[in-house]
Amino acid sequence: MGAGLAVSNPCFELWLYLHFEEWAEGCVSSGEIEKELRALLGSYNKSAPPIELLSGKIGDASRRAEEMDLNQSLRWPENPGSHVYRLVKEINNLSGNRVYQ
């Protein structure tokens, strides 16, 4: 079995944001994403992501990330974008069922 890489551009916080809402703006910086995530959640600590708030929303984040990925043949996601949805799909395929929906 090979290894894969899932990247979010410009930062991992975009993937977290997609658990709650679509990202409607264009090219963005990691600072802007973190600011929007703080506004959405009320607070955000990079070293302690709000796992309890993300529970049950991986399917939503995956759908939103895949919809943003307009050129799926690219190795790296465009800004903004996240390929973490590809990892979720692979986990679902390997598990033989829908672990993350």
PDB file of N, CA and C in Angstrom:
ATOM      1  N   MET A   1       0.844  -1.171   0.000  1.00  0.00           N
ATOM      2  CA  MET A   1       0.000   0.000   0.000  1.00  0.00           C
ATOM      3  C   MET A   1       0.890   1.235   0.000  1.00  0.00           C
ATOM      4  N   GLY A   2       0.594   2.191  -0.851  1.00  0.00           N
ATOM      5  CA  GLY A   2       1.383   3.410  -0.961  1.00  0.00           C
ATOM      6  C   GLY A   2       0.952   4.456   0.043  1.00  0.00           C
ATOM      7  N   ALA A   3       1.675   5.529   0.037  1.00  0.00           N
ATOM      8  CA  ALA A   3       1.358   6.655   0.918  1.00  0.00           C
ATOM      9  C   ALA A   3       0.757   7.783   0.089  1.00  0.00           C
ATOM     10  N   GLY A   4      -0.045   8.583   0.726  1.00  0.00           N
ATOM     11  CA  GLY A   4      -0.647   9.725   0.063  1.00  0.00           C
ATOM     12  C   GLY A   4      -0.432  10.977   0.883  1.00  0.00           C
ATOM     13  N   LEU A   5      -0.772  12.096   0.293  1.00  0.00           N
ATOM     14  CA  LEU A   5      -0.610  13.372   0.955  1.00  0.00           C
ATOM     15  C   LEU A   5      -1.869  14.183   0.724  1.00  0.00           C
ATOM     16  N   ALA A   6      -2.412  14.732   1.787  1.00  0.00           N
ATOM     17  CA  ALA A   6      -3.586  15.592   1.687  1.00  0.00           C
ATOM     18  C   ALA A   6      -3.189  16.984   2.150  1.00  0.00           C
ATOM     19  N   VAL A   7      -3.350  17.961   1.264  1.00  0.00           N
ATOM     20  CA  VAL A   7      -2.911  19.323   1.537  1.00  0.00           C
ATOM     21  C   VAL A   7      -4.105  20.267   1.461  1.00  0.00           C
ATOM     22  N   SER A   8      -4.099  21.266   2.328  1.00  0.00           N
ATOM     23  CA  SER A   8      -5.048  22.373   2.235  1.00  0.00           C
ATOM     24  C   SER A   8      -4.256  23.635   1.944  1.00  0.00           C
ATOM     25  N   ASN A   9      -4.773  24.445   1.049  1.00  0.00           N
ATOM     26  CA  ASN A   9      -4.087  25.659   0.635  1.00  0.00           C
ATOM     27  C   ASN A   9      -5.008  26.851   0.892  1.00  0.00           C
ATOM     28  N   PRO A  10      -4.670  27.791   1.728  1.00  0.00           N
ATOM     29  CA  PRO A  10      -3.336  28.096   2.202  1.00  0.00           C
ATOM     30  C   PRO A  10      -2.963  27.430   3.519  1.00  0.00           C
ATOM     31  N   CYS A  11      -3.940  26.827   4.226  1.00  0.00           N
ATOM     32  CA  CYS A  11      -3.638  26.255   5.537  1.00  0.00           C
ATOM     33  C   CYS A  11      -4.678  25.211   5.919  1.00  0.00           C
ATOM     34  N   PHE A  12      -4.356  24.413   6.924  1.00  0.00           N
ATOM     35  CA  PHE A  12      -5.256  23.371   7.398  1.00  0.00           C
ATOM     36  C   PHE A  12      -6.567  23.943   7.930  1.00  0.00           C
ATOM     37  N   GLU A  13      -6.528  25.159   8.428  1.00  0.00           N
ATOM     38  CA  GLU A  13      -7.743  25.775   8.976  1.00  0.00           C
ATOM     39  C   GLU A  13      -8.846  25.903   7.935  1.00  0.00           C
ATOM     40  N   LEU A  14      -8.497  25.956   6.658  1.00  0.00           N
ATOM     41  CA  LEU A  14      -9.528  25.960   5.618  1.00  0.00           C
ATOM     42  C   LEU A  14     -10.348  24.683   5.710  1.00  0.00           C
ATOM     43  N   TRP A  15      -9.698  23.545   5.887  1.00  0.00           N
ATOM     44  CA  TRP A  15     -10.402  22.267   6.025  1.00  0.00           C
ATOM     45  C   TRP A  15     -11.354  22.328   7.229  1.00  0.00           C
ATOM     46  N   LEU A  16     -10.899  22.900   8.321  1.00  0.00           N
ATOM     47  CA  LEU A  16     -11.758  23.024   9.505  1.00  0.00           C
ATOM     48  C   LEU A  16     -12.955  23.928   9.217  1.00  0.00           C
ATOM     49  N   TYR A  17     -12.712  25.033   8.553  1.00  0.00           N
ATOM     50  CA  TYR A  17     -13.774  25.973   8.204  1.00  0.00           C
ATOM     51  C   TYR A  17     -14.845  25.291   7.361  1.00  0.00           C
ATOM     52  N   LEU A  18     -14.426  24.445   6.438  1.00  0.00           N
ATOM     53  CA  LEU A  18     -15.364  23.767   5.527  1.00  0.00           C
ATOM     54  C   LEU A  18     -16.301  22.804   6.259  1.00  0.00           C
ATOM     55  N   HIS A  19     -16.018  22.480   7.498  1.00  0.00           N
ATOM     56  CA  HIS A  19     -16.942  21.659   8.281  1.00  0.00           C
ATOM     57  C   HIS A  19     -18.238  22.412   8.570  1.00  0.00           C
ATOM     58  N   PHE A  20     -18.196  23.742   8.500  1.00  0.00           N
ATOM     59  CA  PHE A  20     -19.334  24.566   8.896  1.00  0.00           C
ATOM     60  C   PHE A  20     -19.964  25.343   7.752  1.00  0.00           C
ATOM     61  N   GLU A  21     -19.119  25.834   6.834  1.00  0.00           N
ATOM     62  CA  GLU A  21     -19.622  26.676   5.751  1.00  0.00           C
ATOM     63  C   GLU A  21     -18.748  26.529   4.511  1.00  0.00           C
ATOM     64  N   GLU A  22     -19.326  26.928   3.374  1.00  0.00           N
ATOM     65  CA  GLU A  22     -18.541  27.013   2.145  1.00  0.00           C
ATOM     66  C   GLU A  22     -17.620  28.217   2.241  1.00  0.00           C
ATOM     67  N   TRP A  23     -16.486  28.149   1.576  1.00  0.00           N
ATOM     68  CA  TRP A  23     -15.612  29.313   1.472  1.00  0.00           C
ATOM     69  C   TRP A  23     -15.974  30.008   0.176  1.00  0.00           C
ATOM     70  N   ALA A  24     -16.571  31.182   0.273  1.00  0.00           N
ATOM     71  CA  ALA A  24     -17.114  31.851  -0.903  1.00  0.00           C
ATOM     72  C   ALA A  24     -16.157  32.855  -1.530  1.00  0.00           C
ATOM     73  N   GLU A  25     -15.098  33.216  -0.817  1.00  0.00           N
ATOM     74  CA  GLU A  25     -14.186  34.232  -1.329  1.00  0.00           C
ATOM     75  C   GLU A  25     -13.090  33.596  -2.168  1.00  0.00           C
ATOM     76  N   GLY A  26     -12.394  34.418  -2.906  1.00  0.00           N
ATOM     77  CA  GLY A  26     -11.309  33.937  -3.755  1.00  0.00           C
ATOM     78  C   GLY A  26     -10.027  33.693  -2.979  1.00  0.00           C
ATOM     79  N   CYS A  27      -8.911  33.889  -3.634  1.00  0.00           N
ATOM     80  CA  CYS A  27      -7.586  33.657  -3.074  1.00  0.00           C
ATOM     81  C   CYS A  27      -7.478  34.307  -1.697  1.00  0.00           C
ATOM     82  N   VAL A  28      -6.875  33.583  -0.755  1.00  0.00           N
ATOM     83  CA  VAL A  28      -6.896  34.021   0.635  1.00  0.00           C
ATOM     84  C   VAL A  28      -5.589  33.657   1.336  1.00  0.00           C
ATOM     85  N   SER A  29      -5.284  34.358   2.417  1.00  0.00           N
ATOM     86  CA  SER A  29      -4.100  34.045   3.222  1.00  0.00           C
ATOM     87  C   SER A  29      -4.502  33.192   4.423  1.00  0.00           C
ATOM     88  N   SER A  30      -3.523  32.541   5.021  1.00  0.00           N
ATOM     89  CA  SER A  30      -3.815  31.719   6.204  1.00  0.00           C
ATOM     90  C   SER A  30      -4.335  32.590   7.345  1.00  0.00           C
ATOM     91  N   GLY A  31      -3.832  33.807   7.471  1.00  0.00           N
ATOM     92  CA  GLY A  31      -4.312  34.710   8.517  1.00  0.00           C
ATOM     93  C   GLY A  31      -5.786  35.044   8.357  1.00  0.00           C
ATOM     94  N   GLU A  32      -6.215  35.242   7.115  1.00  0.00           N
ATOM     95  CA  GLU A  32      -7.631  35.534   6.860  1.00  0.00           C
ATOM     96  C   GLU A  32      -8.511  34.332   7.203  1.00  0.00           C
ATOM     97  N   ILE A  33      -8.050  33.141   6.854  1.00  0.00           N
ATOM     98  CA  ILE A  33      -8.817  31.930   7.177  1.00  0.00           C
ATOM     99  C   ILE A  33      -8.957  31.792   8.694  1.00  0.00           C
ATOM    100  N   GLU A  34      -7.849  31.955   9.415  1.00  0.00           N
ATOM    101  CA  GLU A  34      -7.893  31.845  10.874  1.00  0.00           C
ATOM    102  C   GLU A  34      -8.825  32.889  11.472  1.00  0.00           C
ATOM    103  N   LYS A  35      -8.807  34.111  10.953  1.00  0.00           N
ATOM    104  CA  LYS A  35      -9.692  35.168  11.429  1.00  0.00           C
ATOM    105  C   LYS A  35     -11.153  34.777  11.224  1.00  0.00           C
ATOM    106  N   GLU A  36     -11.478  34.263  10.042  1.00  0.00           N
ATOM    107  CA  GLU A  36     -12.854  33.841   9.747  1.00  0.00           C
ATOM    108  C   GLU A  36     -13.271  32.652  10.612  1.00  0.00           C
ATOM    109  N   LEU A  37     -12.349  31.740  10.858  1.00  0.00           N
ATOM    110  CA  LEU A  37     -12.650  30.583  11.708  1.00  0.00           C
ATOM    111  C   LEU A  37     -12.933  31.040  13.136  1.00  0.00           C
ATOM    112  N   ARG A  38     -12.148  31.984  13.633  1.00  0.00           N
ATOM    113  CA  ARG A  38     -12.393  32.540  14.978  1.00  0.00           C
ATOM    114  C   ARG A  38     -13.766  33.213  15.049  1.00  0.00           C
ATOM    115  N   ALA A  39     -14.105  33.966  14.017  1.00  0.00           N
ATOM    116  CA  ALA A  39     -15.404  34.645  13.984  1.00  0.00           C
ATOM    117  C   ALA A  39     -16.542  33.627  13.959  1.00  0.00           C
ATOM    118  N   LEU A  40     -16.358  32.568  13.210  1.00  0.00           N
ATOM    119  CA  LEU A  40     -17.377  31.529  13.087  1.00  0.00           C
ATOM    120  C   LEU A  40     -17.573  30.757  14.393  1.00  0.00           C
ATOM    121  N   LEU A  41     -16.459  30.427  15.049  1.00  0.00           N
ATOM    122  CA  LEU A  41     -16.512  29.584  16.251  1.00  0.00           C
ATOM    123  C   LEU A  41     -16.526  30.379  17.561  1.00  0.00           C
ATOM    124  N   GLY A  42     -16.226  31.654  17.492  1.00  0.00           N
ATOM    125  CA  GLY A  42     -16.128  32.445  18.708  1.00  0.00           C
ATOM    126  C   GLY A  42     -14.710  32.501  19.240  1.00  0.00           C
ATOM    127  N   SER A  43     -13.947  31.451  19.041  1.00  0.00           N
ATOM    128  CA  SER A  43     -12.529  31.400  19.400  1.00  0.00           C
ATOM    129  C   SER A  43     -11.911  30.232  18.641  1.00  0.00           C
ATOM    130  N   TYR A  44     -10.590  30.241  18.567  1.00  0.00           N
ATOM    131  CA  TYR A  44      -9.888  29.141  17.909  1.00  0.00           C
ATOM    132  C   TYR A  44      -8.463  29.104  18.422  1.00  0.00           C
ATOM    133  N   ASN A  45      -8.033  27.934  18.850  1.00  0.00           N
ATOM    134  CA  ASN A  45      -6.672  27.712  19.324  1.00  0.00           C
ATOM    135  C   ASN A  45      -6.030  26.688  18.401  1.00  0.00           C
ATOM    136  N   LYS A  46      -5.013  27.095  17.680  1.00  0.00           N
ATOM    137  CA  LYS A  46      -4.339  26.238  16.702  1.00  0.00           C
ATOM    138  C   LYS A  46      -3.833  24.929  17.311  1.00  0.00           C
ATOM    139  N   SER A  47      -3.402  24.963  18.561  1.00  0.00           N
ATOM    140  CA  SER A  47      -2.850  23.764  19.193  1.00  0.00           C
ATOM    141  C   SER A  47      -3.925  22.861  19.804  1.00  0.00           C
ATOM    142  N   ALA A  48      -5.175  23.316  19.793  1.00  0.00           N
ATOM    143  CA  ALA A  48      -6.270  22.496  20.332  1.00  0.00           C
ATOM    144  C   ALA A  48      -7.533  22.726  19.504  1.00  0.00           C
ATOM    145  N   PRO A  49      -7.568  22.161  18.281  1.00  0.00           N
ATOM    146  CA  PRO A  49      -8.749  22.352  17.424  1.00  0.00           C
ATOM    147  C   PRO A  49     -10.011  21.824  18.118  1.00  0.00           C
ATOM    148  N   PRO A  50     -11.157  22.413  17.799  1.00  0.00           N
ATOM    149  CA  PRO A  50     -12.418  22.050  18.463  1.00  0.00           C
ATOM    150  C   PRO A  50     -13.002  20.739  17.935  1.00  0.00           C
ATOM    151  N   ILE A  51     -12.383  19.636  18.271  1.00  0.00           N
ATOM    152  CA  ILE A  51     -12.784  18.321  17.758  1.00  0.00           C
ATOM    153  C   ILE A  51     -14.262  18.050  18.001  1.00  0.00           C
ATOM    154  N   GLU A  52     -14.749  18.421  19.177  1.00  0.00           N
ATOM    155  CA  GLU A  52     -16.154  18.156  19.514  1.00  0.00           C
ATOM    156  C   GLU A  52     -17.120  18.881  18.582  1.00  0.00           C
ATOM    157  N   LEU A  53     -16.723  20.031  18.057  1.00  0.00           N
ATOM    158  CA  LEU A  53     -17.579  20.770  17.132  1.00  0.00           C
ATOM    159  C   LEU A  53     -17.530  20.211  15.713  1.00  0.00           C
ATOM    160  N   LEU A  54     -16.458  19.487  15.406  1.00  0.00           N
ATOM    161  CA  LEU A  54     -16.277  18.932  14.061  1.00  0.00           C
ATOM    162  C   LEU A  54     -16.983  17.594  13.885  1.00  0.00           C
ATOM    163  N   SER A  55     -17.265  16.938  14.985  1.00  0.00           N
ATOM    164  CA  SER A  55     -17.852  15.599  14.970  1.00  0.00           C
ATOM    165  C   SER A  55     -19.123  15.554  14.118  1.00  0.00           C
ATOM    166  N   GLY A  56     -19.173  14.595  13.237  1.00  0.00           N
ATOM    167  CA  GLY A  56     -20.342  14.411  12.390  1.00  0.00           C
ATOM    168  C   GLY A  56     -20.404  15.336  11.191  1.00  0.00           C
ATOM    169  N   LYS A  57     -19.379  16.145  10.971  1.00  0.00           N
ATOM    170  CA  LYS A  57     -19.425  17.113   9.877  1.00  0.00           C
ATOM    171  C   LYS A  57     -18.370  16.859   8.805  1.00  0.00           C
ATOM    172  N   ILE A  58     -17.685  15.724   8.881  1.00  0.00           N
ATOM    173  CA  ILE A  58     -16.640  15.417   7.901  1.00  0.00           C
ATOM    174  C   ILE A  58     -17.234  15.276   6.503  1.00  0.00           C
ATOM    175  N   GLY A  59     -18.405  14.693   6.412  1.00  0.00           N
ATOM    176  CA  GLY A  59     -19.065  14.557   5.117  1.00  0.00           C
ATOM    177  C   GLY A  59     -19.353  15.908   4.482  1.00  0.00           C
ATOM    178  N   ASP A  60     -19.813  16.860   5.295  1.00  0.00           N
ATOM    179  CA  ASP A  60     -20.080  18.213   4.791  1.00  0.00           C
ATOM    180  C   ASP A  60     -18.792  18.862   4.295  1.00  0.00           C
ATOM    181  N   ALA A  61     -17.730  18.753   5.101  1.00  0.00           N
ATOM    182  CA  ALA A  61     -16.441  19.343   4.711  1.00  0.00           C
ATOM    183  C   ALA A  61     -15.917  18.695   3.431  1.00  0.00           C
ATOM    184  N   SER A  62     -16.052  17.389   3.324  1.00  0.00           N
ATOM    185  CA  SER A  62     -15.583  16.675   2.126  1.00  0.00           C
ATOM    186  C   SER A  62     -16.334  17.136   0.893  1.00  0.00           C
ATOM    187  N   ARG A  63     -17.650  17.239   1.004  1.00  0.00           N
ATOM    188  CA  ARG A  63     -18.461  17.685  -0.130  1.00  0.00           C
ATOM    189  C   ARG A  63     -18.067  19.098  -0.550  1.00  0.00           C
ATOM    190  N   ARG A  64     -17.922  19.983   0.420  1.00  0.00           N
ATOM    191  CA  ARG A  64     -17.561  21.366   0.102  1.00  0.00           C
ATOM    192  C   ARG A  64     -16.169  21.452  -0.530  1.00  0.00           C
ATOM    193  N   ALA A  65     -15.221  20.694   0.020  1.00  0.00           N
ATOM    194  CA  ALA A  65     -13.857  20.711  -0.521  1.00  0.00           C
ATOM    195  C   ALA A  65     -13.832  20.160  -1.944  1.00  0.00           C
ATOM    196  N   GLU A  66     -14.580  19.095  -2.203  1.00  0.00           N
ATOM    197  CA  GLU A  66     -14.603  18.521  -3.547  1.00  0.00           C
ATOM    198  C   GLU A  66     -15.263  19.486  -4.538  1.00  0.00           C
ATOM    199  N   GLU A  67     -16.309  20.175  -4.106  1.00  0.00           N
ATOM    200  CA  GLU A  67     -16.960  21.154  -4.975  1.00  0.00           C
ATOM    201  C   GLU A  67     -16.018  22.316  -5.315  1.00  0.00           C
ATOM    202  N   MET A  68     -15.122  22.664  -4.393  1.00  0.00           N
ATOM    203  CA  MET A  68     -14.155  23.741  -4.634  1.00  0.00           C
ATOM    204  C   MET A  68     -13.047  23.312  -5.595  1.00  0.00           C
ATOM    205  N   ASP A  69     -12.793  22.013  -5.688  1.00  0.00           N
ATOM    206  CA  ASP A  69     -11.675  21.474  -6.457  1.00  0.00           C
ATOM    207  C   ASP A  69     -12.060  21.389  -7.932  1.00  0.00           C
ATOM    208  N   LEU A  70     -12.003  22.521  -8.605  1.00  0.00           N
ATOM    209  CA  LEU A  70     -12.466  22.606  -9.991  1.00  0.00           C
ATOM    210  C   LEU A  70     -11.545  21.905 -10.975  1.00  0.00           C
ATOM    211  N   ASN A  71     -10.282  21.739 -10.631  1.00  0.00           N
ATOM    212  CA  ASN A  71      -9.334  21.051 -11.501  1.00  0.00           C
ATOM    213  C   ASN A  71      -8.720  19.893 -10.702  1.00  0.00           C
ATOM    214  N   GLN A  72      -9.441  18.783 -10.620  1.00  0.00           N
ATOM    215  CA  GLN A  72      -9.054  17.666  -9.763  1.00  0.00           C
ATOM    216  C   GLN A  72      -7.808  16.930 -10.242  1.00  0.00           C
ATOM    217  N   SER A  73      -7.313  17.272 -11.404  1.00  0.00           N
ATOM    218  CA  SER A  73      -6.092  16.627 -11.891  1.00  0.00           C
ATOM    219  C   SER A  73      -4.826  17.257 -11.308  1.00  0.00           C
ATOM    220  N   LEU A  74      -4.963  18.417 -10.691  1.00  0.00           N
ATOM    221  CA  LEU A  74      -3.794  19.081 -10.103  1.00  0.00           C
ATOM    222  C   LEU A  74      -3.305  18.324  -8.869  1.00  0.00           C
ATOM    223  N   ARG A  75      -1.984  18.288  -8.716  1.00  0.00           N
ATOM    224  CA  ARG A  75      -1.406  17.604  -7.552  1.00  0.00           C
ATOM    225  C   ARG A  75      -1.663  18.375  -6.261  1.00  0.00           C
ATOM    226  N   TRP A  76      -1.605  19.702  -6.342  1.00  0.00           N
ATOM    227  CA  TRP A  76      -1.791  20.560  -5.173  1.00  0.00           C
ATOM    228  C   TRP A  76      -3.091  21.342  -5.330  1.00  0.00           C
ATOM    229  N   PRO A  77      -3.811  21.565  -4.249  1.00  0.00           N
ATOM    230  CA  PRO A  77      -5.047  22.337  -4.369  1.00  0.00           C
ATOM    231  C   PRO A  77      -4.767  23.798  -4.683  1.00  0.00           C
ATOM    232  N   GLU A  78      -5.670  24.382  -5.429  1.00  0.00           N
ATOM    233  CA  GLU A  78      -5.559  25.807  -5.711  1.00  0.00           C
ATOM    234  C   GLU A  78      -5.898  26.580  -4.444  1.00  0.00           C
ATOM    235  N   ASN A  79      -5.609  27.860  -4.436  1.00  0.00           N
ATOM    236  CA  ASN A  79      -5.926  28.706  -3.286  1.00  0.00           C
ATOM    237  C   ASN A  79      -7.229  29.423  -3.569  1.00  0.00           C
ATOM    238  N   PRO A  80      -8.267  29.203  -2.787  1.00  0.00           N
ATOM    239  CA  PRO A  80      -8.335  28.286  -1.658  1.00  0.00           C
ATOM    240  C   PRO A  80      -8.759  26.896  -2.109  1.00  0.00           C
ATOM    241  N   GLY A  81      -8.334  25.908  -1.377  1.00  0.00           N
ATOM    242  CA  GLY A  81      -8.722  24.540  -1.678  1.00  0.00           C
ATOM    243  C   GLY A  81      -8.147  23.563  -0.677  1.00  0.00           C
ATOM    244  N   SER A  82      -8.734  22.389  -0.645  1.00  0.00           N
ATOM    245  CA  SER A  82      -8.269  21.335   0.253  1.00  0.00           C
ATOM    246  C   SER A  82      -8.443  19.989  -0.418  1.00  0.00           C
ATOM    247  N   HIS A  83      -7.400  19.181  -0.370  1.00  0.00           N
ATOM    248  CA  HIS A  83      -7.483  17.821  -0.889  1.00  0.00           C
ATOM    249  C   HIS A  83      -7.692  16.803   0.229  1.00  0.00           C
ATOM    250  N   VAL A  84      -8.034  17.260   1.417  1.00  0.00           N
ATOM    251  CA  VAL A  84      -8.296  16.330   2.520  1.00  0.00           C
ATOM    252  C   VAL A  84      -9.489  15.433   2.182  1.00  0.00           C
ATOM    253  N   TYR A  85     -10.422  15.930   1.371  1.00  0.00           N
ATOM    254  CA  TYR A  85     -11.557  15.095   0.970  1.00  0.00           C
ATOM    255  C   TYR A  85     -11.088  13.821   0.264  1.00  0.00           C
ATOM    256  N   ARG A  86      -9.959  13.893  -0.437  1.00  0.00           N
ATOM    257  CA  ARG A  86      -9.421  12.702  -1.107  1.00  0.00           C
ATOM    258  C   ARG A  86      -8.998  11.647  -0.086  1.00  0.00           C
ATOM    259  N   LEU A  87      -8.412  12.089   1.005  1.00  0.00           N
ATOM    260  CA  LEU A  87      -8.032  11.184   2.088  1.00  0.00           C
ATOM    261  C   LEU A  87      -9.269  10.540   2.699  1.00  0.00           C
ATOM    262  N   VAL A  88     -10.299  11.326   2.916  1.00  0.00           N
ATOM    263  CA  VAL A  88     -11.554  10.799   3.471  1.00  0.00           C
ATOM    264  C   VAL A  88     -12.132   9.737   2.539  1.00  0.00           C
ATOM    265  N   LYS A  89     -12.133  10.014   1.234  1.00  0.00           N
ATOM    266  CA  LYS A  89     -12.629   9.024   0.257  1.00  0.00           C
ATOM    267  C   LYS A  89     -11.819   7.738   0.320  1.00  0.00           C
ATOM    268  N   GLU A  90     -10.499   7.870   0.419  1.00  0.00           N
ATOM    269  CA  GLU A  90      -9.629   6.691   0.466  1.00  0.00           C
ATOM    270  C   GLU A  90      -9.884   5.873   1.732  1.00  0.00           C
ATOM    271  N   ILE A  91     -10.044   6.529   2.848  1.00  0.00           N
ATOM    272  CA  ILE A  91     -10.361   5.817   4.101  1.00  0.00           C
ATOM    273  C   ILE A  91     -11.675   5.072   3.954  1.00  0.00           C
ATOM    274  N   ASN A  92     -12.672   5.729   3.368  1.00  0.00           N
ATOM    275  CA  ASN A  92     -13.960   5.071   3.150  1.00  0.00           C
ATOM    276  C   ASN A  92     -13.816   3.858   2.226  1.00  0.00           C
ATOM    277  N   ASN A  93     -13.030   4.002   1.162  1.00  0.00           N
ATOM    278  CA  ASN A  93     -12.829   2.887   0.226  1.00  0.00           C
ATOM    279  C   ASN A  93     -12.112   1.723   0.893  1.00  0.00           C
ATOM    280  N   LEU A  94     -11.073   2.023   1.665  1.00  0.00           N
ATOM    281  CA  LEU A  94     -10.304   0.963   2.321  1.00  0.00           C
ATOM    282  C   LEU A  94     -11.084   0.269   3.429  1.00  0.00           C
ATOM    283  N   SER A  95     -11.983   0.997   4.062  1.00  0.00           N
ATOM    284  CA  SER A  95     -12.729   0.408   5.173  1.00  0.00           C
ATOM    285  C   SER A  95     -13.875  -0.461   4.674  1.00  0.00           C
ATOM    286  N   GLY A  96     -14.230  -0.329   3.402  1.00  0.00           N
ATOM    287  CA  GLY A  96     -15.310  -1.125   2.849  1.00  0.00           C
ATOM    288  C   GLY A  96     -16.690  -0.570   3.171  1.00  0.00           C
ATOM    289  N   ASN A  97     -16.740   0.526   3.897  1.00  0.00           N
ATOM    290  CA  ASN A  97     -18.025   1.176   4.166  1.00  0.00           C
ATOM    291  C   ASN A  97     -17.797   2.667   4.330  1.00  0.00           C
ATOM    292  N   ARG A  98     -18.860   3.373   4.615  1.00  0.00           N
ATOM    293  CA  ARG A  98     -18.768   4.822   4.752  1.00  0.00           C
ATOM    294  C   ARG A  98     -18.495   5.179   6.209  1.00  0.00           C
ATOM    295  N   VAL A  99     -17.206   5.241   6.556  1.00  0.00           N
ATOM    296  CA  VAL A  99     -16.822   5.626   7.914  1.00  0.00           C
ATOM    297  C   VAL A  99     -17.161   7.089   8.137  1.00  0.00           C
ATOM    298  N   TYR A 100     -16.829   7.916   7.148  1.00  0.00           N
ATOM    299  CA  TYR A 100     -17.069   9.354   7.235  1.00  0.00           C
ATOM    300  C   TYR A 100     -18.084   9.748   6.184  1.00  0.00           C
ATOM    301  N   GLN A 101     -19.232  10.173   6.628  1.00  0.00           N
ATOM    302  CA  GLN A 101     -20.297  10.554   5.693  1.00  0.00           C
ATOM    303  C   GLN A 101     -20.672  11.986   5.878  1.00  0.00           C
TER     304      GLN A 101
END
